[in-house]
Amino acid sequence: MMDENGILFVLSGPSGVGKGTVRKKLFERADDLAYSISMTTRERRAGEQDGVDYFYKTHEQFEKLIADNELLEHARFVNNYYGTPRKYVEDTLAAGKDIFLEIEVQGAMQVKENFPKGVFIFLFPPSLEELKDRIMSRATESPDAVLKRLKEARSEIEMMDAYDYVVVNDDVERAVTKIQSIIQSEHCRRERIAKQYKKLLEDG
């Protein structure tokens, strides 16, 4: 027996820890997860579809959504807004579908404040040295930028206590298996299915 509503799972962790890689591998394995589609004010690129790649909004529309508390989180990058629409998440969950959100730590803390019943998973690097190697292997940032990212990573790791689970990403396949176990375990939580069992007893 499954609970009627889906569950929001939030994967977060410092930059360079491999969130995107783990999320992609998870979706290769799991076909019963919905991916949280973000909302943005940036121009649609060739081949992108509204409601598939992003939900596209004007700046005015986006700012009204912020004012109306219709976003679980939002941020601004290079003069464009990005955020997670509350209605899409809630409608997906109400349809009985789990939804998965991969996001930076600051955004995850916004989601936790606005949607505390989500399940928050912190992806942890095997070591700070390996995290440094991963960031440097991108070869897209200056040494100063790498040091800044590492400093940010240290402060983000200190926020780990705000999460429900911690998964060490020392091996992508192993990390994905652990996240799948978390998803299964959350569906077995007593409080998620107690209502249905009580209804069975009432009907009997």
Protein backbone atom coordinates (compact mmCIF):
# COMPACT_ATOMS: atom_id res chain seq x y z
CA MET A 1 0.00 0.00 0.00
CA MET A 2 1.34 3.40 -0.97
CA ASP A 3 0.48 6.78 0.43
CA GLU A 4 -1.91 8.81 -1.72
CA ASN A 5 0.29 11.86 -2.18
CA GLY A 6 3.76 11.92 -3.65
CA ILE A 7 6.83 13.10 -1.74
CA LEU A 8 9.13 16.01 -2.56
CA PHE A 9 12.78 14.92 -2.43
CA VAL A 10 15.40 17.68 -2.41
CA LEU A 11 19.01 16.84 -3.31
CA SER A 12 21.52 19.48 -2.39
CA GLY A 13 25.18 19.97 -1.54
CA PRO A 14 28.19 22.16 -2.30
CA SER A 15 29.23 23.08 -5.82
CA GLY A 16 31.36 20.37 -7.40
CA VAL A 17 29.99 17.52 -5.30
CA GLY A 18 28.30 15.91 -8.31
CA LYS A 19 24.61 16.69 -7.79
CA GLY A 20 23.81 16.80 -11.51
CA THR A 21 25.64 13.55 -12.27
CA VAL A 22 23.89 11.72 -9.42
CA ARG A 23 20.49 13.11 -10.42
CA LYS A 24 20.92 12.03 -14.06
CA LYS A 25 21.96 8.53 -13.04
CA LEU A 26 19.02 8.30 -10.64
CA PHE A 27 16.58 9.19 -13.42
CA GLU A 28 18.13 6.56 -15.67
CA ARG A 29 17.19 3.99 -13.04
CA ALA A 30 13.88 5.38 -11.75
CA ASP A 31 10.96 5.99 -14.11
CA ASP A 32 8.50 6.80 -11.32
CA LEU A 33 10.05 10.15 -10.38
CA ALA A 34 9.05 13.54 -11.76
CA TYR A 35 11.77 16.16 -12.14
CA SER A 36 10.99 19.58 -10.75
CA ILE A 37 10.78 21.99 -13.70
CA SER A 38 12.15 25.43 -12.88
CA MET A 39 10.69 28.77 -13.84
CA THR A 40 12.81 31.47 -15.46
CA THR A 41 12.70 34.89 -17.07
CA ARG A 42 15.54 34.19 -19.50
CA GLU A 43 14.85 33.95 -23.22
CA ARG A 44 13.84 30.56 -24.55
CA ARG A 45 16.64 28.92 -26.53
CA ALA A 46 16.20 27.04 -29.79
CA GLY A 47 14.47 23.72 -29.25
CA GLU A 48 13.36 24.48 -25.69
CA GLN A 49 9.71 23.97 -24.77
CA ASP A 50 7.63 25.79 -22.19
CA GLY A 51 6.61 23.38 -19.44
CA VAL A 52 9.29 20.87 -20.46
CA ASP A 53 12.65 22.64 -20.15
CA TYR A 54 11.41 25.58 -18.08
CA PHE A 55 8.27 27.55 -17.36
CA TYR A 56 9.01 30.86 -19.10
CA LYS A 57 7.75 34.10 -17.52
CA THR A 58 8.29 37.82 -17.94
CA HIS A 59 10.06 39.74 -15.18
CA GLU A 60 6.74 41.29 -14.19
CA GLN A 61 5.03 37.89 -13.97
CA PHE A 62 7.90 36.43 -11.97
CA GLU A 63 8.00 39.32 -9.50
CA LYS A 64 4.25 38.96 -8.93
CA LEU A 65 4.76 35.25 -8.18
CA ILE A 66 7.44 36.20 -5.62
CA ALA A 67 5.09 38.73 -4.03
CA ASP A 68 2.26 36.17 -3.91
CA ASN A 69 4.53 33.51 -2.33
CA GLU A 70 3.99 31.21 -5.32
CA LEU A 71 7.62 30.05 -5.43
CA LEU A 72 9.26 27.54 -3.10
CA GLU A 73 12.60 29.22 -3.79
CA HIS A 74 14.05 31.73 -6.18
CA ALA A 75 17.31 33.45 -7.07
CA ARG A 76 18.57 35.97 -9.59
CA PHE A 77 21.52 35.33 -11.90
CA VAL A 78 22.79 37.73 -14.57
CA ASN A 79 19.60 39.82 -14.56
CA ASN A 80 17.29 36.80 -14.86
CA TYR A 81 15.18 35.09 -12.25
CA TYR A 82 15.07 31.35 -11.65
CA GLY A 83 12.79 29.55 -9.21
CA THR A 84 10.70 26.53 -8.27
CA PRO A 85 6.94 27.02 -8.80
CA ARG A 86 4.88 25.94 -5.81
CA LYS A 87 1.77 25.02 -7.84
CA TYR A 88 3.61 22.62 -10.16
CA VAL A 89 5.17 20.83 -7.19
CA GLU A 90 1.93 20.64 -5.22
CA ASP A 91 -0.13 19.49 -8.23
CA THR A 92 2.41 16.76 -9.03
CA LEU A 93 2.43 15.54 -5.43
CA ALA A 94 -1.38 15.61 -5.27
CA ALA A 95 -1.44 13.35 -8.36
CA GLY A 96 0.49 10.77 -6.32
CA LYS A 97 3.83 11.32 -8.08
CA ASP A 98 7.12 11.82 -6.28
CA ILE A 99 9.03 14.89 -7.40
CA PHE A 100 12.79 15.36 -7.29
CA LEU A 101 14.53 18.72 -6.97
CA GLU A 102 18.29 19.18 -7.40
CA ILE A 103 19.39 22.54 -6.09
CA GLU A 104 22.11 24.57 -4.40
CA VAL A 105 22.22 24.76 -0.59
CA GLN A 106 20.82 28.30 -0.30
CA GLY A 107 17.85 27.35 -2.48
CA ALA A 108 17.28 24.18 -0.48
CA MET A 109 17.03 26.23 2.71
CA GLN A 110 14.35 28.40 1.05
CA VAL A 111 12.44 25.25 0.06
CA LYS A 112 12.73 23.90 3.62
CA GLU A 113 11.25 27.11 4.98
CA ASN A 114 8.38 27.11 2.47
CA PHE A 115 7.78 23.34 2.26
CA PRO A 116 9.11 21.72 5.46
CA LYS A 117 7.45 18.36 4.80
CA GLY A 118 9.88 17.69 1.95
CA VAL A 119 12.71 15.17 2.40
CA PHE A 120 16.11 16.84 2.28
CA ILE A 121 19.20 14.89 1.20
CA PHE A 122 22.70 16.36 1.50
CA LEU A 123 25.25 15.06 -0.99
CA PHE A 124 28.60 15.04 0.76
CA PRO A 125 32.08 14.91 -0.85
CA PRO A 126 34.45 12.12 0.25
CA SER A 127 36.88 14.87 1.32
CA LEU A 128 37.52 18.57 0.79
CA GLU A 129 40.65 17.62 -1.16
CA GLU A 130 38.59 15.59 -3.63
CA LEU A 131 36.03 18.40 -3.87
CA LYS A 132 38.90 20.79 -4.73
CA ASP A 133 40.12 18.35 -7.41
CA ARG A 134 36.62 18.11 -8.92
CA ILE A 135 36.22 21.88 -9.08
CA MET A 136 39.69 22.33 -10.58
CA SER A 137 39.09 19.56 -13.15
CA ARG A 138 36.39 21.72 -14.73
CA ALA A 139 39.19 24.04 -15.90
CA THR A 140 36.67 26.86 -16.19
CA GLU A 141 37.61 28.91 -13.13
CA SER A 142 40.61 30.86 -11.91
CA PRO A 143 42.55 29.74 -8.81
CA ASP A 144 40.91 32.58 -6.85
CA ALA A 145 37.45 31.39 -7.92
CA VAL A 146 38.32 27.82 -6.87
CA LEU A 147 39.39 29.05 -3.43
CA LYS A 148 36.17 31.04 -3.12
CA ARG A 149 34.10 27.97 -4.02
CA LEU A 150 35.96 25.89 -1.45
CA LYS A 151 35.32 28.51 1.22
CA GLU A 152 31.63 28.49 0.30
CA ALA A 153 31.65 24.67 0.39
CA ARG A 154 32.95 24.69 3.96
CA SER A 155 30.14 26.99 5.10
CA GLU A 156 27.56 24.91 3.19
CA ILE A 157 28.81 21.69 4.79
CA GLU A 158 28.23 23.31 8.17
CA MET A 159 24.52 23.54 7.21
CA MET A 160 24.28 19.75 6.95
CA ASP A 161 22.33 19.58 10.22
CA ALA A 162 19.32 21.08 8.42
CA TYR A 163 18.99 17.94 6.26
CA ASP A 164 17.25 14.62 6.89
CA TYR A 165 19.84 12.38 5.22
CA VAL A 166 23.49 12.56 4.19
CA VAL A 167 24.87 10.56 1.25
CA VAL A 168 28.62 10.48 0.58
CA ASN A 169 29.31 10.68 -3.16
CA ASP A 170 32.44 8.54 -3.22
CA ASP A 171 30.94 6.45 -6.05
CA VAL A 172 28.03 7.61 -8.23
CA GLU A 173 26.32 4.21 -8.52
CA ARG A 174 26.57 3.64 -4.77
CA ALA A 175 25.25 7.14 -4.02
CA VAL A 176 22.25 6.57 -6.34
CA THR A 177 21.49 3.23 -4.67
CA LYS A 178 21.46 4.95 -1.27
CA ILE A 179 19.10 7.66 -2.54
CA GLN A 180 16.76 5.00 -3.94
CA SER A 181 16.78 3.34 -0.51
CA ILE A 182 15.88 6.67 1.10
CA ILE A 183 12.95 7.06 -1.30
CA GLN A 184 11.67 3.57 -0.50
CA SER A 185 12.12 4.08 3.24
CA GLU A 186 10.20 7.36 3.20
CA HIS A 187 7.24 5.64 1.57
CA CYS A 188 7.24 3.11 4.43
CA ARG A 189 7.06 5.72 7.19
CA ARG A 190 4.16 5.00 9.50
CA GLU A 191 2.77 8.53 9.45
CA ARG A 192 2.52 8.50 5.64
CA ILE A 193 0.26 5.45 5.51
CA ALA A 194 -1.47 5.49 8.92
CA LYS A 195 -4.45 7.40 7.50
CA GLN A 196 -5.14 4.69 4.93
CA TYR A 197 -4.83 1.90 7.46
CA LYS A 198 -7.26 3.70 9.77
CA LYS A 199 -9.69 4.02 6.85
CA LEU A 200 -9.40 0.26 6.25
CA LEU A 201 -10.34 -0.39 9.86
CA GLU A 202 -13.27 2.02 9.64
CA ASP A 203 -14.53 0.40 6.42
CA GLY A 204 -14.21 -3.06 7.99
